[in-house]
N, C-alpha and C. Protein backbone atom coordinates (compact mmCIF):
# COMPACT_ATOMS: atom_id res chain seq x y z
N MET A 1 71.88 54.17 122.79
CA MET A 1 72.86 54.48 123.40
C MET A 1 73.29 56.05 123.45
N SER A 2 73.92 56.40 124.07
CA SER A 2 74.46 57.49 124.38
C SER A 2 75.51 58.19 123.27
N ILE A 3 75.56 59.60 123.09
CA ILE A 3 76.80 59.54 121.72
C ILE A 3 78.14 59.46 122.38
N ASN A 4 78.46 59.57 123.57
CA ASN A 4 79.78 58.78 124.10
C ASN A 4 79.93 57.49 123.96
N ASN A 5 79.15 56.80 124.42
CA ASN A 5 79.49 55.26 124.24
C ASN A 5 79.51 54.87 123.07
N LEU A 6 78.73 55.60 122.28
CA LEU A 6 78.82 55.25 120.27
C LEU A 6 80.27 55.68 119.93
N ASP A 7 80.52 56.76 120.49
CA ASP A 7 82.06 57.19 120.11
C ASP A 7 83.11 56.18 120.73
N GLN A 8 82.70 55.82 121.99
CA GLN A 8 83.72 54.77 122.18
C GLN A 8 83.88 53.57 121.61
N LEU A 9 82.48 52.93 121.32
CA LEU A 9 82.21 51.73 120.69
C LEU A 9 83.05 51.70 119.04
N TYR A 10 82.89 53.03 118.53
CA TYR A 10 83.53 53.20 117.42
C TYR A 10 85.17 53.50 117.46
N ARG A 11 85.35 54.28 118.46
CA ARG A 11 87.12 53.98 118.76
C ARG A 11 87.34 52.60 118.93
N SER A 12 86.71 51.72 119.65
CA SER A 12 87.04 50.63 120.18
C SER A 12 87.30 49.31 118.50
N VAL A 13 86.11 49.78 117.56
CA VAL A 13 86.27 48.96 116.48
C VAL A 13 87.27 49.70 115.38
N ILE A 14 88.09 50.80 115.47
CA ILE A 14 88.67 50.92 114.83
C ILE A 14 90.44 50.44 115.23
N MET A 15 90.35 50.63 116.38
CA MET A 15 91.82 50.17 117.27
C MET A 15 91.61 48.74 116.90
N ASP A 16 90.77 47.86 117.07
CA ASP A 16 90.88 46.55 117.02
C ASP A 16 90.95 45.96 115.37
N HIS A 17 90.68 46.81 114.48
CA HIS A 17 91.16 46.75 113.14
C HIS A 17 92.76 47.26 113.10
N TYR A 18 92.79 48.12 113.81
CA TYR A 18 94.33 48.47 113.67
C TYR A 18 95.01 47.67 113.97
N LYS A 19 94.98 46.99 115.16
CA LYS A 19 95.82 46.33 116.42
C LYS A 19 95.66 44.91 115.90
N ASN A 20 94.71 44.21 114.90
CA ASN A 20 94.48 43.19 114.54
C ASN A 20 94.20 43.40 113.28
N PRO A 21 94.80 43.62 112.40
CA PRO A 21 94.07 44.02 111.00
C PRO A 21 93.83 42.79 110.41
N ARG A 22 92.39 42.80 109.73
CA ARG A 22 91.94 41.47 108.46
C ARG A 22 92.66 41.65 107.48
N ASN A 23 93.00 40.46 106.90
CA ASN A 23 93.71 40.36 105.32
C ASN A 23 94.73 41.42 105.16
N LYS A 24 95.62 41.26 106.11
CA LYS A 24 97.08 42.01 106.01
C LYS A 24 97.93 40.93 105.27
N GLY A 25 98.61 41.11 104.60
CA GLY A 25 99.57 40.44 103.81
C GLY A 25 99.49 40.95 102.11
N VAL A 26 100.10 40.30 101.29
CA VAL A 26 99.89 40.10 99.88
C VAL A 26 99.86 38.96 99.62
N LEU A 27 99.04 39.15 98.45
CA LEU A 27 98.32 37.75 97.80
C LEU A 27 99.13 37.38 96.56
N ASP A 28 99.97 36.16 96.52
CA ASP A 28 100.81 35.62 95.93
C ASP A 28 100.53 35.71 94.20
N GLU A 29 99.46 35.15 93.97
CA GLU A 29 98.68 35.20 92.66
C GLU A 29 97.50 36.28 92.34
N SER A 30 98.05 37.54 92.80
CA SER A 30 97.02 38.53 92.51
C SER A 30 96.99 38.83 90.95
N ASP A 31 95.61 39.47 90.72
CA ASP A 31 95.19 39.95 89.23
C ASP A 31 95.51 41.60 89.31
N ILE A 32 95.61 42.19 90.56
CA ILE A 32 95.53 43.69 90.57
C ILE A 32 96.50 43.74 91.86
N THR A 33 97.39 44.93 91.36
CA THR A 33 98.32 45.47 92.51
C THR A 33 98.38 46.91 92.21
N VAL A 34 98.15 47.56 93.39
CA VAL A 34 98.37 49.23 93.32
C VAL A 34 98.82 49.69 94.36
N ASP A 35 99.73 50.46 94.28
CA ASP A 35 100.35 50.99 95.63
C ASP A 35 99.94 52.67 95.34
N MET A 36 99.74 53.06 96.93
CA MET A 36 99.31 54.50 96.87
C MET A 36 99.70 54.90 97.91
N ASN A 37 99.98 56.38 98.11
CA ASN A 37 100.55 56.86 99.39
C ASN A 37 99.85 58.30 99.47
N ASN A 38 99.73 58.66 100.78
CA ASN A 38 99.44 59.79 101.19
C ASN A 38 99.97 60.72 101.61
N PRO A 39 101.03 61.37 101.09
CA PRO A 39 102.13 62.05 101.37
C PRO A 39 101.85 63.29 102.51
N THR A 40 100.93 63.82 102.51
CA THR A 40 100.54 64.39 103.82
C THR A 40 100.68 64.14 105.25
N CYS A 41 100.45 62.69 105.39
CA CYS A 41 100.29 62.13 106.68
C CYS A 41 101.35 60.98 106.53
N GLY A 42 102.12 60.38 105.42
CA GLY A 42 102.94 59.45 105.30
C GLY A 42 102.25 58.15 105.26
N ASP A 43 101.04 58.11 105.10
CA ASP A 43 100.36 56.72 104.61
C ASP A 43 100.67 55.93 103.30
N VAL A 44 101.19 54.70 103.69
CA VAL A 44 101.54 53.99 102.39
C VAL A 44 100.83 52.87 102.20
N ILE A 45 100.14 52.47 101.06
CA ILE A 45 99.37 51.35 100.97
C ILE A 45 99.81 50.08 99.72
N HIS A 46 99.88 49.43 100.00
CA HIS A 46 100.35 48.00 98.66
C HIS A 46 98.85 46.92 98.63
N LEU A 47 98.22 47.33 97.76
CA LEU A 47 97.11 46.41 97.78
C LEU A 47 97.08 45.36 96.49
N THR A 48 96.54 44.21 96.93
CA THR A 48 96.42 43.14 96.02
C THR A 48 95.31 42.61 96.04
N LEU A 49 94.82 42.03 95.06
CA LEU A 49 93.39 41.61 94.75
C LEU A 49 93.28 40.33 93.66
N LYS A 50 92.26 39.46 93.82
CA LYS A 50 92.49 38.73 93.11
C LYS A 50 90.86 38.45 92.66
N MET A 51 90.77 38.36 91.29
CA MET A 51 89.36 38.92 90.73
C MET A 51 88.96 37.51 89.98
N GLU A 52 87.77 36.82 89.80
CA GLU A 52 87.33 35.96 89.09
C GLU A 52 85.73 36.02 88.75
N ASP A 53 85.71 36.25 87.18
CA ASP A 53 84.46 36.50 86.64
C ASP A 53 83.65 37.93 87.14
N GLY A 54 84.98 38.90 87.38
CA GLY A 54 84.50 40.25 87.68
C GLY A 54 84.00 40.50 89.40
N ILE A 55 84.46 39.29 90.08
CA ILE A 55 84.09 39.43 91.55
C ILE A 55 85.44 39.29 92.25
N VAL A 56 85.30 39.84 92.99
CA VAL A 56 86.50 39.99 93.77
C VAL A 56 86.72 38.78 95.18
N GLN A 57 87.66 38.05 94.59
CA GLN A 57 87.76 36.76 95.56
C GLN A 57 88.37 36.82 96.74
N GLU A 58 89.67 37.51 96.55
CA GLU A 58 90.39 37.70 97.93
C GLU A 58 91.13 39.18 97.99
N ALA A 59 91.36 40.03 98.69
CA ALA A 59 91.84 41.26 98.97
C ALA A 59 93.15 41.31 99.85
N LYS A 60 94.00 41.60 100.06
CA LYS A 60 95.09 41.95 100.96
C LYS A 60 95.62 42.99 100.73
N PHE A 61 96.28 43.62 102.06
CA PHE A 61 96.83 44.67 101.93
C PHE A 61 98.37 44.71 102.96
N GLU A 62 99.20 45.70 102.72
CA GLU A 62 100.22 45.74 103.32
C GLU A 62 100.58 47.54 103.39
N GLY A 63 101.32 47.90 104.50
CA GLY A 63 101.25 49.29 104.54
C GLY A 63 101.95 49.76 105.94
N GLU A 64 101.77 51.07 105.98
CA GLU A 64 102.17 51.78 107.43
C GLU A 64 101.55 52.82 107.30
N GLY A 65 101.08 53.41 108.38
CA GLY A 65 100.41 54.81 108.40
C GLY A 65 99.55 54.66 109.73
N CYS A 66 98.77 55.64 109.82
CA CYS A 66 98.16 56.12 111.25
C CYS A 66 97.20 55.11 111.37
N SER A 67 96.27 54.88 112.63
CA SER A 67 95.29 53.76 112.71
C SER A 67 94.48 53.94 111.87
N ILE A 68 94.07 55.35 111.38
CA ILE A 68 92.94 55.48 110.42
C ILE A 68 92.93 54.62 109.09
N SER A 69 93.97 55.12 108.66
CA SER A 69 94.57 54.57 107.24
C SER A 69 94.65 52.61 107.54
N MET A 70 95.17 52.54 108.14
CA MET A 70 95.19 50.99 108.50
C MET A 70 94.19 50.35 108.63
N ALA A 71 93.15 51.11 109.78
CA ALA A 71 91.96 50.16 110.05
C ALA A 71 91.20 50.21 108.84
N SER A 72 90.95 51.19 108.18
CA SER A 72 89.91 51.48 107.07
C SER A 72 90.56 50.60 105.70
N ALA A 73 91.73 50.47 105.66
CA ALA A 73 92.28 49.15 104.71
C ALA A 73 91.93 47.78 105.01
N SER A 74 92.06 47.41 106.59
CA SER A 74 91.45 46.27 107.16
C SER A 74 89.88 46.06 106.74
N MET A 75 89.05 47.18 107.21
CA MET A 75 87.73 47.01 107.05
C MET A 75 87.26 47.10 105.63
N MET A 76 87.96 47.92 104.57
CA MET A 76 87.48 47.78 102.95
C MET A 76 87.89 46.67 102.74
N THR A 77 88.77 45.88 102.83
CA THR A 77 89.32 44.61 102.08
C THR A 77 88.28 43.37 102.95
N GLN A 78 87.69 43.65 104.23
CA GLN A 78 86.48 42.71 104.50
C GLN A 78 85.17 42.99 103.35
N MET A 79 84.99 44.09 103.41
CA MET A 79 83.96 44.68 102.58
C MET A 79 83.81 44.01 101.34
N VAL A 80 84.86 44.38 100.28
CA VAL A 80 84.93 43.88 98.85
C VAL A 80 84.81 42.56 98.71
N LYS A 81 85.30 41.80 99.64
CA LYS A 81 85.46 40.34 99.28
C LYS A 81 84.05 40.04 98.81
N GLY A 82 83.70 39.07 97.49
CA GLY A 82 82.59 38.60 97.01
C GLY A 82 81.79 39.38 96.51
N LYS A 83 82.23 40.62 96.39
CA LYS A 83 81.40 41.69 95.90
C LYS A 83 81.97 41.99 94.09
N THR A 84 81.23 42.70 93.42
CA THR A 84 81.41 42.66 91.88
C THR A 84 82.42 44.04 91.69
N ALA A 85 83.11 44.29 91.15
CA ALA A 85 83.77 45.52 90.87
C ALA A 85 82.83 46.39 90.83
N GLU A 86 81.73 46.53 90.37
CA GLU A 86 80.89 47.76 90.61
C GLU A 86 80.19 47.63 91.82
N GLU A 87 80.02 46.53 92.45
CA GLU A 87 79.24 46.80 94.02
C GLU A 87 80.42 47.49 94.80
N ALA A 88 81.64 47.05 94.61
CA ALA A 88 82.60 47.67 95.53
C ALA A 88 83.17 49.04 95.42
N VAL A 89 82.79 49.27 94.07
CA VAL A 89 83.17 50.70 93.72
C VAL A 89 81.87 51.96 94.12
N LYS A 90 80.75 50.78 94.11
CA LYS A 90 79.63 51.67 94.81
C LYS A 90 79.63 51.91 96.48
N VAL A 91 80.28 51.06 97.21
CA VAL A 91 80.59 51.02 98.58
C VAL A 91 81.50 52.14 98.76
N ALA A 92 82.50 52.09 98.06
CA ALA A 92 83.48 53.11 97.98
C ALA A 92 83.09 54.50 97.97
N HIS A 93 81.91 54.86 97.06
CA HIS A 93 81.62 56.19 96.76
C HIS A 93 80.35 56.32 97.88
N ILE A 94 79.83 55.36 98.67
CA ILE A 94 79.19 55.46 100.06
C ILE A 94 80.23 55.99 101.05
N PHE A 95 81.06 55.50 101.09
CA PHE A 95 82.24 55.54 102.07
C PHE A 95 82.98 57.04 101.87
N SER A 96 83.00 57.00 100.56
CA SER A 96 83.75 58.77 100.37
C SER A 96 82.61 59.67 100.78
N ASP A 97 81.33 59.47 100.53
CA ASP A 97 80.14 60.53 101.14
C ASP A 97 79.98 60.55 102.09
N MET A 98 80.36 59.50 103.22
CA MET A 98 80.14 59.86 104.60
C MET A 98 81.39 60.54 104.90
N MET A 99 82.62 60.19 104.20
CA MET A 99 83.72 61.09 104.66
C MET A 99 83.53 62.47 104.92
N LEU A 100 82.44 62.86 103.47
CA LEU A 100 82.44 64.08 103.19
C LEU A 100 81.48 64.76 104.18
N GLY A 101 80.81 63.81 104.94
CA GLY A 101 79.59 64.46 106.08
C GLY A 101 78.53 64.20 105.16
N LYS A 102 78.37 63.79 103.70
CA LYS A 102 76.89 63.72 103.22
C LYS A 102 76.14 62.94 103.58
N GLU A 103 74.70 62.68 103.48
CA GLU A 103 73.54 61.65 103.61
C GLU A 103 74.10 60.63 102.86
N VAL A 104 73.97 59.24 103.59
CA VAL A 104 74.62 58.07 102.67
C VAL A 104 73.04 57.29 102.91
N ASP A 105 73.28 56.12 101.99
CA ASP A 105 71.94 55.32 101.63
C ASP A 105 72.24 54.29 102.69
N GLU A 106 71.07 54.36 103.75
CA GLU A 106 71.00 53.70 104.81
C GLU A 106 70.74 52.41 104.72
N SER A 107 70.10 51.80 103.10
CA SER A 107 69.93 50.41 103.03
C SER A 107 71.02 49.57 102.98
N VAL A 108 72.07 50.31 102.70
CA VAL A 108 73.28 49.65 102.59
C VAL A 108 73.69 49.28 104.14
N ASP A 109 74.33 48.26 104.20
CA ASP A 109 75.04 47.80 105.43
C ASP A 109 76.26 47.98 105.38
N LEU A 110 76.70 48.97 106.12
CA LEU A 110 78.35 49.04 106.27
C LEU A 110 79.36 48.35 107.12
N GLY A 111 78.46 47.81 108.15
CA GLY A 111 79.11 46.92 108.90
C GLY A 111 80.22 47.94 110.05
N ASP A 112 81.45 47.60 109.87
CA ASP A 112 82.66 48.15 110.82
C ASP A 112 82.97 49.54 110.23
N ILE A 113 82.74 49.51 108.77
CA ILE A 113 83.03 50.61 108.37
C ILE A 113 82.55 51.75 108.86
N GLU A 114 81.38 51.71 109.41
CA GLU A 114 80.66 52.99 109.94
C GLU A 114 81.38 53.65 111.27
N ALA A 115 82.15 52.80 111.64
CA ALA A 115 82.96 53.50 112.72
C ALA A 115 83.64 54.30 112.15
N LEU A 116 83.98 54.52 111.08
CA LEU A 116 84.77 55.63 110.72
C LEU A 116 84.28 56.99 110.28
N SER A 117 82.87 56.91 110.46
CA SER A 117 81.84 58.20 110.34
C SER A 117 82.19 59.35 110.99
N GLY A 118 82.99 59.45 112.32
CA GLY A 118 83.52 60.45 112.99
C GLY A 118 84.32 61.17 112.59
N VAL A 119 85.26 60.60 111.39
CA VAL A 119 86.58 60.96 110.80
C VAL A 119 86.02 62.33 109.93
N ALA A 120 85.00 62.47 109.63
CA ALA A 120 84.58 63.50 108.75
C ALA A 120 84.43 64.85 109.67
N LYS A 121 84.35 64.90 110.94
CA LYS A 121 84.64 65.66 111.40
C LYS A 121 86.03 66.28 111.63
N PHE A 122 87.24 65.49 111.25
CA PHE A 122 88.50 66.06 110.98
C PHE A 122 89.09 65.91 109.64
N PRO A 123 88.66 66.94 108.67
CA PRO A 123 89.27 67.34 107.39
C PRO A 123 90.46 66.70 107.16
N ALA A 124 91.75 67.13 107.95
CA ALA A 124 93.02 66.45 107.95
C ALA A 124 93.16 64.99 107.81
N ARG A 125 92.27 64.17 108.13
CA ARG A 125 92.14 62.78 108.45
C ARG A 125 91.33 62.01 107.45
N ILE A 126 90.59 62.81 106.50
CA ILE A 126 89.96 62.03 105.34
C ILE A 126 90.54 61.50 104.33
N LYS A 127 91.86 61.75 104.12
CA LYS A 127 92.32 61.47 102.81
C LYS A 127 93.33 59.91 103.69
N CYS A 128 93.36 59.91 105.02
CA CYS A 128 94.07 58.97 105.64
C CYS A 128 93.01 57.73 105.38
N ALA A 129 91.45 57.91 105.68
CA ALA A 129 90.67 57.20 105.73
C ALA A 129 90.17 56.72 104.34
N THR A 130 90.28 57.32 103.42
CA THR A 130 90.12 57.09 101.92
C THR A 130 90.90 56.29 101.40
N LEU A 131 92.55 55.98 101.71
CA LEU A 131 93.39 55.91 100.68
C LEU A 131 93.46 54.54 100.09
N ALA A 132 93.24 53.71 100.96
CA ALA A 132 92.76 52.10 100.64
C ALA A 132 91.54 52.00 99.42
N TRP A 133 90.68 52.90 100.13
CA TRP A 133 89.37 52.73 99.08
C TRP A 133 89.84 53.18 97.44
N LYS A 134 90.60 54.30 97.54
CA LYS A 134 90.70 54.81 96.41
C LYS A 134 91.75 53.93 95.47
N ALA A 135 92.53 52.95 96.37
CA ALA A 135 93.43 52.21 95.79
C ALA A 135 92.71 51.10 94.86
N MET A 136 91.72 50.49 95.85
CA MET A 136 90.68 49.52 95.19
C MET A 136 89.81 50.30 94.07
N GLU A 137 89.39 51.27 94.08
CA GLU A 137 88.84 51.99 93.07
C GLU A 137 89.64 52.19 91.47
N LYS A 138 90.98 52.30 91.92
CA LYS A 138 91.73 52.45 91.25
C LYS A 138 92.10 51.11 90.46
N GLY A 139 92.16 50.06 91.17
CA GLY A 139 92.49 48.61 90.89
C GLY A 139 91.21 47.87 90.16
N VAL A 140 90.23 48.09 90.51
CA VAL A 140 89.00 47.52 89.86
C VAL A 140 88.35 48.23 88.57
N GLY A 141 88.68 49.46 88.61
CA GLY A 141 88.39 50.43 87.75
C GLY A 141 89.57 49.94 86.18
N ASN A 142 90.75 49.46 86.60
CA ASN A 142 91.40 49.28 85.55
C ASN A 142 91.57 47.81 85.42
N ASP A 143 90.63 46.97 85.66
CA ASP A 143 90.30 45.71 85.60
C ASP A 143 89.42 45.22 84.49
N SER A 144 89.63 45.79 83.52
CA SER A 144 88.55 45.69 82.11
C SER A 144 88.48 44.10 81.67
N ASP A 145 89.38 43.53 82.09
CA ASP A 145 89.67 41.96 81.55
C ASP A 145 88.33 41.33 82.34
N GLN A 146 88.09 41.64 83.20
CA GLN A 146 87.53 40.87 84.37
C GLN A 146 85.80 40.73 84.14
């Protein structure tokens, strides 16, 4: 697949998550609630997680922001469901490395998240892409009872 076709595919995936976000909303009975914002861009996220036996059972978000931040939040909530807190944080670290243009572990299936790899070329947008991930890390990191 040519670079142009791959870029177009990635843009399509990002716009699909932006226009049709997965897991949008608030969990009424959440164990973890995290609010974060990116004052540089104006992105705001409200993340709710339901944990059971150290595993993310449900993840939902609400927020306002650019297409990258909202698409990334949608992708993140899909990715972490069913993962332990440690696994979720590991994927967040891999995602962060990808945003910084570092080599990432190819054995980990990033799914739709790979579509955000091009954001690394735009340093001003990296905080947009990582906002939801930082919120999730903060939430599960504080979740010592699970």
